[in-house]
Amino acid sequence: MSKLNCQMNVPEVSGLNANEITVGRHFLIHCQGQWDKAFDLTQAKLVLDPKDQYILKLFKAEARDTESFDLDVTAYIAGKVDIPNLEMSDGERQLQLGQIQFEVQSVLPKPEAQKQGSVQPSEQPKPYGYVFGQMQWPLLYTLIAFGFVFLSIIYLIWKAMRRQKLKNLQAHIRSYDSAQDPEQQFYKTLRQLEKKDYPLVDLTKACRVYILRQYQLPVFDLSISDCDRLLKRQFVRFSDHRKIVINMLKDIQHISKITDASIEQKNKFIKNFYDFVEKCESLPQDSFEREREEDLL
């Protein structure tokens, strides 16, 4: 059976009142006497009722010599504390520390009415909360709120930029509108280019304009992979036709990089594009599902 005599010891801290226990301030319970030396102080925990869990919190138990040890503790509730018999356990053994009495001062300023001597009904202050690393909960909440506001601002900026890009793409597509349908405009342009031996820059532009108008696809602004992504939304049930469009865009890109393309190469490309136009025109215009304009990006 342990025979211990335990006393409060408040270490001096610059800026704090001497020998005053305040909420959250560390102080020592110094115990002297005889106890079971098999007790593991490194595993020591205070045995308290759940309703009293904020009265004391043990941070460390450390032996000073063979006859004494110190408990580094703090309190989270202001007011008088009177524990008839404080118990400590290492999971296997228990130590009876005896009666513990002390008073915890609040760090909150007193209400103005109390300073003037009036009597006000008081409510026992609630615990500050758990410690998260070196931060207490109020600071953590502040950081979470700041992060939420920051992410919200970034999201709004991204939405605004996306909306503006969408408007620019739609305006660019509308700039190619014509009274002629895409097929008629393409054939007329090819007849004009035939007299000049099909200049490669003008030829590839005419082909891209046809695809742009036929599919409302901003081929001058987006990469082939981005165009493929948009066509996947437009042609939900016609994946084979979507592949034909993408392959033709690749052919246009390929021939546009040939600086000295021969007339035979141009004629072969034009024949392939004529076949492509026939396939496009044979597909019923109301047979594929177009996404909303908001999904263009």
C-alpha atoms as a PDB file:
ATOM      1  CA  MET A   1       0.000   0.000   0.000  1.00  0.00           C
ATOM      2  CA  SER A   2       1.498   3.389  -1.008  1.00  0.00           C
ATOM      3  CA  LYS A   3       1.953   6.095   1.572  1.00  0.00           C
ATOM      4  CA  LEU A   4       2.357   9.327  -0.286  1.00  0.00           C
ATOM      5  CA  ASN A   5       2.209  12.972   0.630  1.00  0.00           C
ATOM      6  CA  CYS A   6       1.479  15.149  -2.418  1.00  0.00           C
ATOM      7  CA  GLN A   7       1.715  18.936  -2.634  1.00  0.00           C
ATOM      8  CA  MET A   8       1.150  21.538  -5.371  1.00  0.00           C
ATOM      9  CA  ASN A   9       4.202  23.290  -6.852  1.00  0.00           C
ATOM     10  CA  VAL A  10       3.738  26.097  -9.422  1.00  0.00           C
ATOM     11  CA  PRO A  11       6.951  26.809 -11.391  1.00  0.00           C
ATOM     12  CA  GLU A  12       7.676  30.472 -12.011  1.00  0.00           C
ATOM     13  CA  VAL A  13       6.893  31.736 -15.512  1.00  0.00           C
ATOM     14  CA  SER A  14       7.766  35.214 -16.759  1.00  0.00           C
ATOM     15  CA  GLY A  15       4.618  37.338 -17.093  1.00  0.00           C
ATOM     16  CA  LEU A  16       2.458  35.142 -14.859  1.00  0.00           C
ATOM     17  CA  ASN A  17       1.628  35.606 -11.185  1.00  0.00           C
ATOM     18  CA  ALA A  18       3.743  33.530  -8.804  1.00  0.00           C
ATOM     19  CA  ASN A  19       2.088  30.478  -7.237  1.00  0.00           C
ATOM     20  CA  GLU A  20      -1.144  31.076  -9.170  1.00  0.00           C
ATOM     21  CA  ILE A  21      -2.700  28.189 -11.039  1.00  0.00           C
ATOM     22  CA  THR A  22      -4.579  29.396 -14.108  1.00  0.00           C
ATOM     23  CA  VAL A  23      -6.467  27.556 -16.824  1.00  0.00           C
ATOM     24  CA  GLY A  24      -3.958  25.857 -19.129  1.00  0.00           C
ATOM     25  CA  ARG A  25      -0.897  26.670 -17.006  1.00  0.00           C
ATOM     26  CA  HIS A  26       1.401  23.752 -16.234  1.00  0.00           C
ATOM     27  CA  PHE A  27       2.131  22.997 -12.574  1.00  0.00           C
ATOM     28  CA  LEU A  28       3.566  20.090 -10.585  1.00  0.00           C
ATOM     29  CA  ILE A  29       2.094  17.653  -8.108  1.00  0.00           C
ATOM     30  CA  HIS A  30       5.131  16.677  -6.033  1.00  0.00           C
ATOM     31  CA  CYS A  31       4.687  13.384  -4.166  1.00  0.00           C
ATOM     32  CA  GLN A  32       6.974  11.935  -1.485  1.00  0.00           C
ATOM     33  CA  GLY A  33       6.795   8.653   0.352  1.00  0.00           C
ATOM     34  CA  GLN A  34       6.781   4.945  -0.329  1.00  0.00           C
ATOM     35  CA  TRP A  35       5.185   3.378  -3.391  1.00  0.00           C
ATOM     36  CA  ASP A  36       5.410   0.225  -5.450  1.00  0.00           C
ATOM     37  CA  LYS A  37       8.615   0.686  -7.492  1.00  0.00           C
ATOM     38  CA  ALA A  38       7.230  -1.702 -10.122  1.00  0.00           C
ATOM     39  CA  PHE A  39       4.781   1.052 -11.062  1.00  0.00           C
ATOM     40  CA  ASP A  40       5.683   2.282 -14.586  1.00  0.00           C
ATOM     41  CA  LEU A  41       5.649   6.091 -14.435  1.00  0.00           C
ATOM     42  CA  THR A  42       6.089   6.337 -18.219  1.00  0.00           C
ATOM     43  CA  GLN A  43       2.636   4.744 -18.634  1.00  0.00           C
ATOM     44  CA  ALA A  44       0.976   6.688 -15.820  1.00  0.00           C
ATOM     45  CA  LYS A  45      -2.541   8.036 -16.324  1.00  0.00           C
ATOM     46  CA  LEU A  46      -4.862   9.769 -13.890  1.00  0.00           C
ATOM     47  CA  VAL A  47      -8.019   7.850 -13.011  1.00  0.00           C
ATOM     48  CA  LEU A  48     -10.914  10.340 -13.238  1.00  0.00           C
ATOM     49  CA  ASP A  49     -14.628  10.130 -13.826  1.00  0.00           C
ATOM     50  CA  PRO A  50     -15.625  11.062 -17.407  1.00  0.00           C
ATOM     51  CA  LYS A  51     -17.409  14.150 -16.060  1.00  0.00           C
ATOM     52  CA  ASP A  52     -14.148  15.262 -14.441  1.00  0.00           C
ATOM     53  CA  GLN A  53     -11.887  14.655 -17.447  1.00  0.00           C
ATOM     54  CA  TYR A  54     -11.102  18.369 -17.824  1.00  0.00           C
ATOM     55  CA  ILE A  55     -10.258  18.919 -14.152  1.00  0.00           C
ATOM     56  CA  LEU A  56      -6.727  17.588 -14.593  1.00  0.00           C
ATOM     57  CA  LYS A  57      -4.645  16.488 -17.563  1.00  0.00           C
ATOM     58  CA  LEU A  58      -1.407  14.610 -16.956  1.00  0.00           C
ATOM     59  CA  PHE A  59       1.424  15.314 -19.401  1.00  0.00           C
ATOM     60  CA  LYS A  60       4.314  13.486 -17.747  1.00  0.00           C
ATOM     61  CA  ALA A  61       5.217  11.566 -14.570  1.00  0.00           C
ATOM     62  CA  GLU A  62       8.886  11.487 -13.609  1.00  0.00           C
ATOM     63  CA  ALA A  63      10.753  10.128 -10.551  1.00  0.00           C
ATOM     64  CA  ARG A  64      13.088  12.591  -8.794  1.00  0.00           C
ATOM     65  CA  ASP A  65      14.680  10.021  -6.495  1.00  0.00           C
ATOM     66  CA  THR A  66      13.744   6.767  -4.794  1.00  0.00           C
ATOM     67  CA  GLU A  67      11.340   8.551  -2.480  1.00  0.00           C
ATOM     68  CA  SER A  68       9.653  11.169  -4.694  1.00  0.00           C
ATOM     69  CA  PHE A  69       8.232  11.838  -8.132  1.00  0.00           C
ATOM     70  CA  ASP A  70       6.584  14.757  -9.947  1.00  0.00           C
ATOM     71  CA  LEU A  71       3.456  14.904 -12.067  1.00  0.00           C
ATOM     72  CA  ASP A  72       3.390  17.579 -14.776  1.00  0.00           C
ATOM     73  CA  VAL A  73      -0.296  18.534 -15.048  1.00  0.00           C
ATOM     74  CA  THR A  74      -2.651  21.302 -16.091  1.00  0.00           C
ATOM     75  CA  ALA A  75      -6.325  22.160 -15.522  1.00  0.00           C
ATOM     76  CA  TYR A  76      -8.886  23.280 -18.092  1.00  0.00           C
ATOM     77  CA  ILE A  77     -11.712  24.377 -15.765  1.00  0.00           C
ATOM     78  CA  ALA A  78     -11.559  27.392 -13.452  1.00  0.00           C
ATOM     79  CA  GLY A  79     -12.705  27.122  -9.850  1.00  0.00           C
ATOM     80  CA  LYS A  80     -11.939  25.160  -6.703  1.00  0.00           C
ATOM     81  CA  VAL A  81     -10.780  21.581  -7.121  1.00  0.00           C
ATOM     82  CA  ASP A  82     -11.112  19.077  -4.309  1.00  0.00           C
ATOM     83  CA  ILE A  83     -10.390  15.450  -5.119  1.00  0.00           C
ATOM     84  CA  PRO A  84     -10.736  13.306  -1.963  1.00  0.00           C
ATOM     85  CA  ASN A  85      -8.395  10.628  -3.256  1.00  0.00           C
ATOM     86  CA  LEU A  86      -6.623  11.059  -6.574  1.00  0.00           C
ATOM     87  CA  GLU A  87      -5.691   7.750  -8.227  1.00  0.00           C
ATOM     88  CA  MET A  88      -3.055   7.038 -10.854  1.00  0.00           C
ATOM     89  CA  SER A  89      -2.647   3.869 -12.928  1.00  0.00           C
ATOM     90  CA  ASP A  90      -0.079   2.435 -15.316  1.00  0.00           C
ATOM     91  CA  GLY A  91      -2.556  -0.070 -16.737  1.00  0.00           C
ATOM     92  CA  GLU A  92      -1.713  -2.788 -14.204  1.00  0.00           C
ATOM     93  CA  ARG A  93      -1.039  -1.086 -10.873  1.00  0.00           C
ATOM     94  CA  GLN A  94      -2.631   1.823  -9.048  1.00  0.00           C
ATOM     95  CA  LEU A  95      -1.233   4.494  -6.761  1.00  0.00           C
ATOM     96  CA  GLN A  96      -3.347   6.392  -4.247  1.00  0.00           C
ATOM     97  CA  LEU A  97      -2.097   9.991  -4.177  1.00  0.00           C
ATOM     98  CA  GLY A  98      -4.438  11.098  -1.425  1.00  0.00           C
ATOM     99  CA  GLN A  99      -6.504  14.277  -1.219  1.00  0.00           C
ATOM    100  CA  ILE A 100      -5.671  16.988  -3.767  1.00  0.00           C
ATOM    101  CA  GLN A 101      -6.953  20.538  -3.238  1.00  0.00           C
ATOM    102  CA  PHE A 102      -6.206  23.675  -5.253  1.00  0.00           C
ATOM    103  CA  GLU A 103      -7.957  26.574  -6.988  1.00  0.00           C
ATOM    104  CA  VAL A 104      -7.743  27.413 -10.694  1.00  0.00           C
ATOM    105  CA  GLN A 105      -8.040  31.035 -11.761  1.00  0.00           C
ATOM    106  CA  SER A 106      -9.711  31.950 -15.046  1.00  0.00           C
ATOM    107  CA  VAL A 107      -7.626  33.784 -17.636  1.00  0.00           C
ATOM    108  CA  LEU A 108     -10.756  35.540 -18.918  1.00  0.00           C
ATOM    109  CA  PRO A 109     -11.295  39.171 -17.815  1.00  0.00           C
ATOM    110  CA  LYS A 110     -13.973  39.654 -15.191  1.00  0.00           C
ATOM    111  CA  PRO A 111     -17.263  41.205 -16.330  1.00  0.00           C
ATOM    112  CA  GLU A 112     -17.558  44.947 -15.721  1.00  0.00           C
ATOM    113  CA  ALA A 113     -20.482  44.408 -13.372  1.00  0.00           C
ATOM    114  CA  GLN A 114     -18.368  42.199 -11.135  1.00  0.00           C
ATOM    115  CA  LYS A 115     -15.604  44.814 -11.026  1.00  0.00           C
ATOM    116  CA  GLN A 116     -18.151  47.255  -9.604  1.00  0.00           C
ATOM    117  CA  GLY A 117     -19.143  44.833  -6.869  1.00  0.00           C
ATOM    118  CA  SER A 118     -22.561  43.809  -8.200  1.00  0.00           C
ATOM    119  CA  VAL A 119     -23.584  40.214  -7.823  1.00  0.00           C
ATOM    120  CA  GLN A 120     -24.133  38.377 -11.096  1.00  0.00           C
ATOM    121  CA  PRO A 121     -25.095  34.744 -11.532  1.00  0.00           C
ATOM    122  CA  SER A 122     -22.029  32.969 -12.888  1.00  0.00           C
ATOM    123  CA  GLU A 123     -21.718  29.954 -15.108  1.00  0.00           C
ATOM    124  CA  GLN A 124     -18.718  27.698 -14.782  1.00  0.00           C
ATOM    125  CA  PRO A 125     -16.427  28.344 -17.797  1.00  0.00           C
ATOM    126  CA  LYS A 126     -16.254  25.533 -20.316  1.00  0.00           C
ATOM    127  CA  PRO A 127     -12.912  23.927 -21.185  1.00  0.00           C
ATOM    128  CA  TYR A 128     -10.846  25.557 -23.884  1.00  0.00           C
ATOM    129  CA  GLY A 129     -10.809  22.381 -25.904  1.00  0.00           C
ATOM    130  CA  TYR A 130      -8.216  19.903 -27.045  1.00  0.00           C
ATOM    131  CA  VAL A 131      -4.731  20.822 -28.156  1.00  0.00           C
ATOM    132  CA  PHE A 132      -3.915  20.024 -31.811  1.00  0.00           C
ATOM    133  CA  GLY A 133      -0.137  19.967 -32.107  1.00  0.00           C
ATOM    134  CA  GLN A 134       0.855  23.390 -30.832  1.00  0.00           C
ATOM    135  CA  MET A 135      -2.446  24.976 -31.894  1.00  0.00           C
ATOM    136  CA  GLN A 136      -5.636  25.251 -29.883  1.00  0.00           C
ATOM    137  CA  TRP A 137      -8.975  24.768 -31.607  1.00  0.00           C
ATOM    138  CA  PRO A 138      -9.807  28.462 -32.158  1.00  0.00           C
ATOM    139  CA  LEU A 139      -6.641  28.950 -34.225  1.00  0.00           C
ATOM    140  CA  LEU A 140      -7.308  25.756 -36.130  1.00  0.00           C
ATOM    141  CA  TYR A 141     -10.824  26.924 -36.975  1.00  0.00           C
ATOM    142  CA  THR A 142      -9.358  30.197 -38.224  1.00  0.00           C
ATOM    143  CA  LEU A 143      -6.928  28.385 -40.515  1.00  0.00           C
ATOM    144  CA  ILE A 144      -9.697  26.141 -41.850  1.00  0.00           C
ATOM    145  CA  ALA A 145     -11.925  29.160 -42.538  1.00  0.00           C
ATOM    146  CA  PHE A 146      -9.054  30.983 -44.259  1.00  0.00           C
ATOM    147  CA  GLY A 147      -8.348  27.931 -46.432  1.00  0.00           C
ATOM    148  CA  PHE A 148     -12.025  27.638 -47.372  1.00  0.00           C
ATOM    149  CA  VAL A 149     -12.222  31.311 -48.365  1.00  0.00           C
ATOM    150  CA  PHE A 150      -8.974  31.035 -50.362  1.00  0.00           C
ATOM    151  CA  LEU A 151     -10.204  27.966 -52.283  1.00  0.00           C
ATOM    152  CA  SER A 152     -13.562  29.649 -52.914  1.00  0.00           C
ATOM    153  CA  ILE A 153     -11.829  32.680 -54.443  1.00  0.00           C
ATOM    154  CA  ILE A 154      -9.661  30.435 -56.647  1.00  0.00           C
ATOM    155  CA  TYR A 155     -12.766  28.531 -57.792  1.00  0.00           C
ATOM    156  CA  LEU A 156     -14.636  31.745 -58.662  1.00  0.00           C
ATOM    157  CA  ILE A 157     -11.650  33.042 -60.628  1.00  0.00           C
ATOM    158  CA  TRP A 158     -11.427  29.744 -62.501  1.00  0.00           C
ATOM    159  CA  LYS A 159     -15.158  29.835 -63.294  1.00  0.00           C
ATOM    160  CA  ALA A 160     -14.894  33.416 -64.571  1.00  0.00           C
ATOM    161  CA  MET A 161     -11.904  32.547 -66.787  1.00  0.00           C
ATOM    162  CA  ARG A 162     -13.684  29.453 -68.079  1.00  0.00           C
ATOM    163  CA  ARG A 163     -16.822  31.471 -68.866  1.00  0.00           C
ATOM    164  CA  GLN A 164     -14.796  34.111 -70.706  1.00  0.00           C
ATOM    165  CA  LYS A 165     -12.945  31.464 -72.708  1.00  0.00           C
ATOM    166  CA  LEU A 166     -16.289  29.901 -73.640  1.00  0.00           C
ATOM    167  CA  LYS A 167     -17.592  33.261 -74.881  1.00  0.00           C
ATOM    168  CA  ASN A 168     -14.446  33.785 -76.944  1.00  0.00           C
ATOM    169  CA  LEU A 169     -14.739  30.345 -78.550  1.00  0.00           C
ATOM    170  CA  GLN A 170     -18.407  30.834 -79.359  1.00  0.00           C
ATOM    171  CA  ALA A 171     -17.714  34.269 -80.832  1.00  0.00           C
ATOM    172  CA  HIS A 172     -14.921  32.811 -82.980  1.00  0.00           C
ATOM    173  CA  ILE A 173     -17.224  30.077 -84.280  1.00  0.00           C
ATOM    174  CA  ARG A 174     -19.960  32.619 -85.100  1.00  0.00           C
ATOM    175  CA  SER A 175     -17.446  34.739 -87.013  1.00  0.00           C
ATOM    176  CA  TYR A 176     -17.383  31.989 -89.685  1.00  0.00           C
ATOM    177  CA  ASP A 177     -21.177  32.023 -90.198  1.00  0.00           C
ATOM    178  CA  SER A 178     -22.287  32.273 -93.812  1.00  0.00           C
ATOM    179  CA  ALA A 179     -25.506  32.274 -95.804  1.00  0.00           C
ATOM    180  CA  GLN A 180     -24.166  29.208 -97.600  1.00  0.00           C
ATOM    181  CA  ASP A 181     -24.192  25.860 -95.901  1.00  0.00           C
ATOM    182  CA  PRO A 182     -20.768  24.348 -95.006  1.00  0.00           C
ATOM    183  CA  GLU A 183     -20.710  21.992 -98.009  1.00  0.00           C
ATOM    184  CA  GLN A 184     -21.532  24.696-100.588  1.00  0.00           C
ATOM    185  CA  GLN A 185     -19.011  27.089 -99.089  1.00  0.00           C
ATOM    186  CA  PHE A 186     -16.301  24.415 -99.170  1.00  0.00           C
ATOM    187  CA  TYR A 187     -16.903  23.447-102.837  1.00  0.00           C
ATOM    188  CA  LYS A 188     -16.977  27.099-103.904  1.00  0.00           C
ATOM    189  CA  THR A 189     -13.703  27.782-102.120  1.00  0.00           C
ATOM    190  CA  LEU A 190     -12.073  24.708-103.724  1.00  0.00           C
ATOM    191  CA  ARG A 191     -13.095  25.871-107.220  1.00  0.00           C
ATOM    192  CA  GLN A 192     -11.411  29.195-106.552  1.00  0.00           C
ATOM    193  CA  LEU A 193      -8.267  27.534-105.212  1.00  0.00           C
ATOM    194  CA  GLU A 194      -8.072  25.165-108.198  1.00  0.00           C
ATOM    195  CA  LYS A 195      -7.077  28.118-110.409  1.00  0.00           C
ATOM    196  CA  LYS A 196      -4.073  28.726-108.122  1.00  0.00           C
ATOM    197  CA  ASP A 197      -2.972  25.055-107.841  1.00  0.00           C
ATOM    198  CA  TYR A 198      -4.411  24.813-104.342  1.00  0.00           C
ATOM    199  CA  PRO A 199      -2.129  26.918-102.116  1.00  0.00           C
ATOM    200  CA  LEU A 200      -1.549  24.711 -99.095  1.00  0.00           C
ATOM    201  CA  VAL A 201      -2.332  27.366 -96.462  1.00  0.00           C
ATOM    202  CA  ASP A 202      -5.654  28.262 -98.105  1.00  0.00           C
ATOM    203  CA  LEU A 203      -6.514  24.611 -98.788  1.00  0.00           C
ATOM    204  CA  THR A 204      -6.047  23.480 -95.184  1.00  0.00           C
ATOM    205  CA  LYS A 205      -7.897  26.547 -93.912  1.00  0.00           C
ATOM    206  CA  ALA A 206     -10.903  25.740 -96.133  1.00  0.00           C
ATOM    207  CA  CYS A 207     -10.953  22.182 -94.768  1.00  0.00           C
ATOM    208  CA  ARG A 208     -10.809  23.384 -91.176  1.00  0.00           C
ATOM    209  CA  VAL A 209     -13.563  25.944 -91.801  1.00  0.00           C
ATOM    210  CA  TYR A 210     -15.820  23.163 -93.131  1.00  0.00           C
ATOM    211  CA  ILE A 211     -15.260  21.053 -89.992  1.00  0.00           C
ATOM    212  CA  LEU A 212     -15.728  24.101 -87.754  1.00  0.00           C
ATOM    213  CA  ARG A 213     -19.080  24.998 -89.309  1.00  0.00           C
ATOM    214  CA  GLN A 214     -20.317  21.440 -89.733  1.00  0.00           C
ATOM    215  CA  TYR A 215     -19.649  20.443 -86.110  1.00  0.00           C
ATOM    216  CA  GLN A 216     -19.454  23.820 -84.344  1.00  0.00           C
ATOM    217  CA  LEU A 217     -15.961  22.721 -83.370  1.00  0.00           C
ATOM    218  CA  PRO A 218     -13.336  25.452 -82.644  1.00  0.00           C
ATOM    219  CA  VAL A 219     -10.566  23.708 -84.582  1.00  0.00           C
ATOM    220  CA  PHE A 220      -8.473  26.902 -84.830  1.00  0.00           C
ATOM    221  CA  ASP A 221      -8.366  27.323 -81.031  1.00  0.00           C
ATOM    222  CA  LEU A 222      -8.167  23.794 -79.633  1.00  0.00           C
ATOM    223  CA  SER A 223      -5.778  20.905 -80.037  1.00  0.00           C
ATOM    224  CA  ILE A 224      -6.847  17.692 -81.753  1.00  0.00           C
ATOM    225  CA  SER A 225      -7.127  15.921 -78.387  1.00  0.00           C
ATOM    226  CA  ASP A 226      -9.429  18.677 -77.074  1.00  0.00           C
ATOM    227  CA  CYS A 227     -11.530  18.437 -80.234  1.00  0.00           C
ATOM    228  CA  ASP A 228     -11.778  14.694 -79.701  1.00  0.00           C
ATOM    229  CA  ARG A 229     -13.019  15.285 -76.149  1.00  0.00           C
ATOM    230  CA  LEU A 230     -15.776  17.602 -77.406  1.00  0.00           C
ATOM    231  CA  LEU A 231     -16.832  15.205 -80.135  1.00  0.00           C
ATOM    232  CA  LYS A 232     -17.203  12.429 -77.568  1.00  0.00           C
ATOM    233  CA  ARG A 233     -19.922  14.551 -75.980  1.00  0.00           C
ATOM    234  CA  GLN A 234     -21.587  15.431 -79.284  1.00  0.00           C
ATOM    235  CA  PHE A 235     -21.498  11.953 -80.795  1.00  0.00           C
ATOM    236  CA  VAL A 236     -22.637   9.806 -77.909  1.00  0.00           C
ATOM    237  CA  ARG A 237     -23.789   6.986 -80.181  1.00  0.00           C
ATOM    238  CA  PHE A 238     -21.535   7.531 -83.225  1.00  0.00           C
ATOM    239  CA  SER A 239     -18.005   6.801 -82.048  1.00  0.00           C
ATOM    240  CA  ASP A 240     -16.932   5.529 -85.501  1.00  0.00           C
ATOM    241  CA  HIS A 241     -17.869   8.800 -87.167  1.00  0.00           C
ATOM    242  CA  ARG A 242     -16.073  10.748 -84.433  1.00  0.00           C
ATOM    243  CA  LYS A 243     -12.895   8.807 -85.246  1.00  0.00           C
ATOM    244  CA  ILE A 244     -13.265   9.753 -88.931  1.00  0.00           C
ATOM    245  CA  VAL A 245     -13.395  13.449 -88.014  1.00  0.00           C
ATOM    246  CA  ILE A 246     -10.343  13.183 -85.771  1.00  0.00           C
ATOM    247  CA  ASN A 247      -8.374  11.250 -88.415  1.00  0.00           C
ATOM    248  CA  MET A 248      -9.177  13.938 -90.966  1.00  0.00           C
ATOM    249  CA  LEU A 249      -7.948  16.647 -88.595  1.00  0.00           C
ATOM    250  CA  LYS A 250      -4.702  14.678 -88.266  1.00  0.00           C
ATOM    251  CA  ASP A 251      -4.416  14.460 -92.070  1.00  0.00           C
ATOM    252  CA  ILE A 252      -4.890  18.234 -92.333  1.00  0.00           C
ATOM    253  CA  GLN A 253      -2.216  18.787 -89.709  1.00  0.00           C
ATOM    254  CA  HIS A 254       0.130  16.394 -91.515  1.00  0.00           C
ATOM    255  CA  ILE A 255      -0.151  17.930 -94.986  1.00  0.00           C
ATOM    256  CA  SER A 256       0.062  21.474 -93.601  1.00  0.00           C
ATOM    257  CA  LYS A 257       3.597  20.666 -92.405  1.00  0.00           C
ATOM    258  CA  ILE A 258       4.780  19.643 -95.899  1.00  0.00           C
ATOM    259  CA  THR A 259       6.493  22.766 -97.185  1.00  0.00           C
ATOM    260  CA  ASP A 260       6.875  21.561-100.814  1.00  0.00           C
ATOM    261  CA  ALA A 261       3.799  19.373-101.280  1.00  0.00           C
ATOM    262  CA  SER A 262       3.381  18.229-104.874  1.00  0.00           C
ATOM    263  CA  ILE A 263       0.163  18.632-106.836  1.00  0.00           C
ATOM    264  CA  GLU A 264      -0.267  14.842-106.680  1.00  0.00           C
ATOM    265  CA  GLN A 265      -0.143  14.948-102.869  1.00  0.00           C
ATOM    266  CA  LYS A 266      -2.649  17.802-102.828  1.00  0.00           C
ATOM    267  CA  ASN A 267      -5.021  16.005-105.203  1.00  0.00           C
ATOM    268  CA  LYS A 268      -4.867  12.837-103.096  1.00  0.00           C
ATOM    269  CA  PHE A 269      -5.624  14.841 -99.977  1.00  0.00           C
ATOM    270  CA  ILE A 270      -8.515  16.686-101.696  1.00  0.00           C
ATOM    271  CA  LYS A 271     -10.024  13.399-102.898  1.00  0.00           C
ATOM    272  CA  ASN A 272      -9.893  12.028 -99.346  1.00  0.00           C
ATOM    273  CA  PHE A 273     -11.514  15.178 -98.021  1.00  0.00           C
ATOM    274  CA  TYR A 274     -14.294  14.967-100.654  1.00  0.00           C
ATOM    275  CA  ASP A 275     -15.018  11.442 -99.427  1.00  0.00           C
ATOM    276  CA  PHE A 276     -15.021  12.783 -95.869  1.00  0.00           C
ATOM    277  CA  VAL A 277     -17.547  15.518 -96.802  1.00  0.00           C
ATOM    278  CA  GLU A 278     -19.855  12.935 -98.400  1.00  0.00           C
ATOM    279  CA  LYS A 279     -19.789  10.856 -95.202  1.00  0.00           C
ATOM    280  CA  CYS A 280     -20.534  13.950 -93.127  1.00  0.00           C
ATOM    281  CA  GLU A 281     -23.447  15.000 -95.318  1.00  0.00           C
ATOM    282  CA  SER A 282     -24.912  11.487 -95.331  1.00  0.00           C
ATOM    283  CA  LEU A 283     -25.183  11.510 -91.557  1.00  0.00           C
ATOM    284  CA  PRO A 284     -28.602  12.863 -90.417  1.00  0.00           C
ATOM    285  CA  GLN A 285     -28.021  16.150 -88.610  1.00  0.00           C
ATOM    286  CA  ASP A 286     -30.500  15.305 -85.871  1.00  0.00           C
ATOM    287  CA  SER A 287     -29.057  11.845 -85.203  1.00  0.00           C
ATOM    288  CA  PHE A 288     -26.372  12.858 -82.718  1.00  0.00           C
ATOM    289  CA  GLU A 289     -26.750  14.424 -79.300  1.00  0.00           C
ATOM    290  CA  ARG A 290     -25.036  17.780 -78.793  1.00  0.00           C
ATOM    291  CA  GLU A 291     -24.100  18.926 -75.335  1.00  0.00           C
ATOM    292  CA  ARG A 292     -25.180  22.256 -73.894  1.00  0.00           C
ATOM    293  CA  GLU A 293     -23.060  25.284 -74.755  1.00  0.00           C
ATOM    294  CA  GLU A 294     -21.806  25.389 -71.159  1.00  0.00           C
ATOM    295  CA  ASP A 295     -20.082  22.047 -71.738  1.00  0.00           C
ATOM    296  CA  LEU A 296     -18.009  23.288 -74.661  1.00  0.00           C
ATOM    297  CA  LEU A 297     -14.907  23.454 -72.452  1.00  0.00           C
END
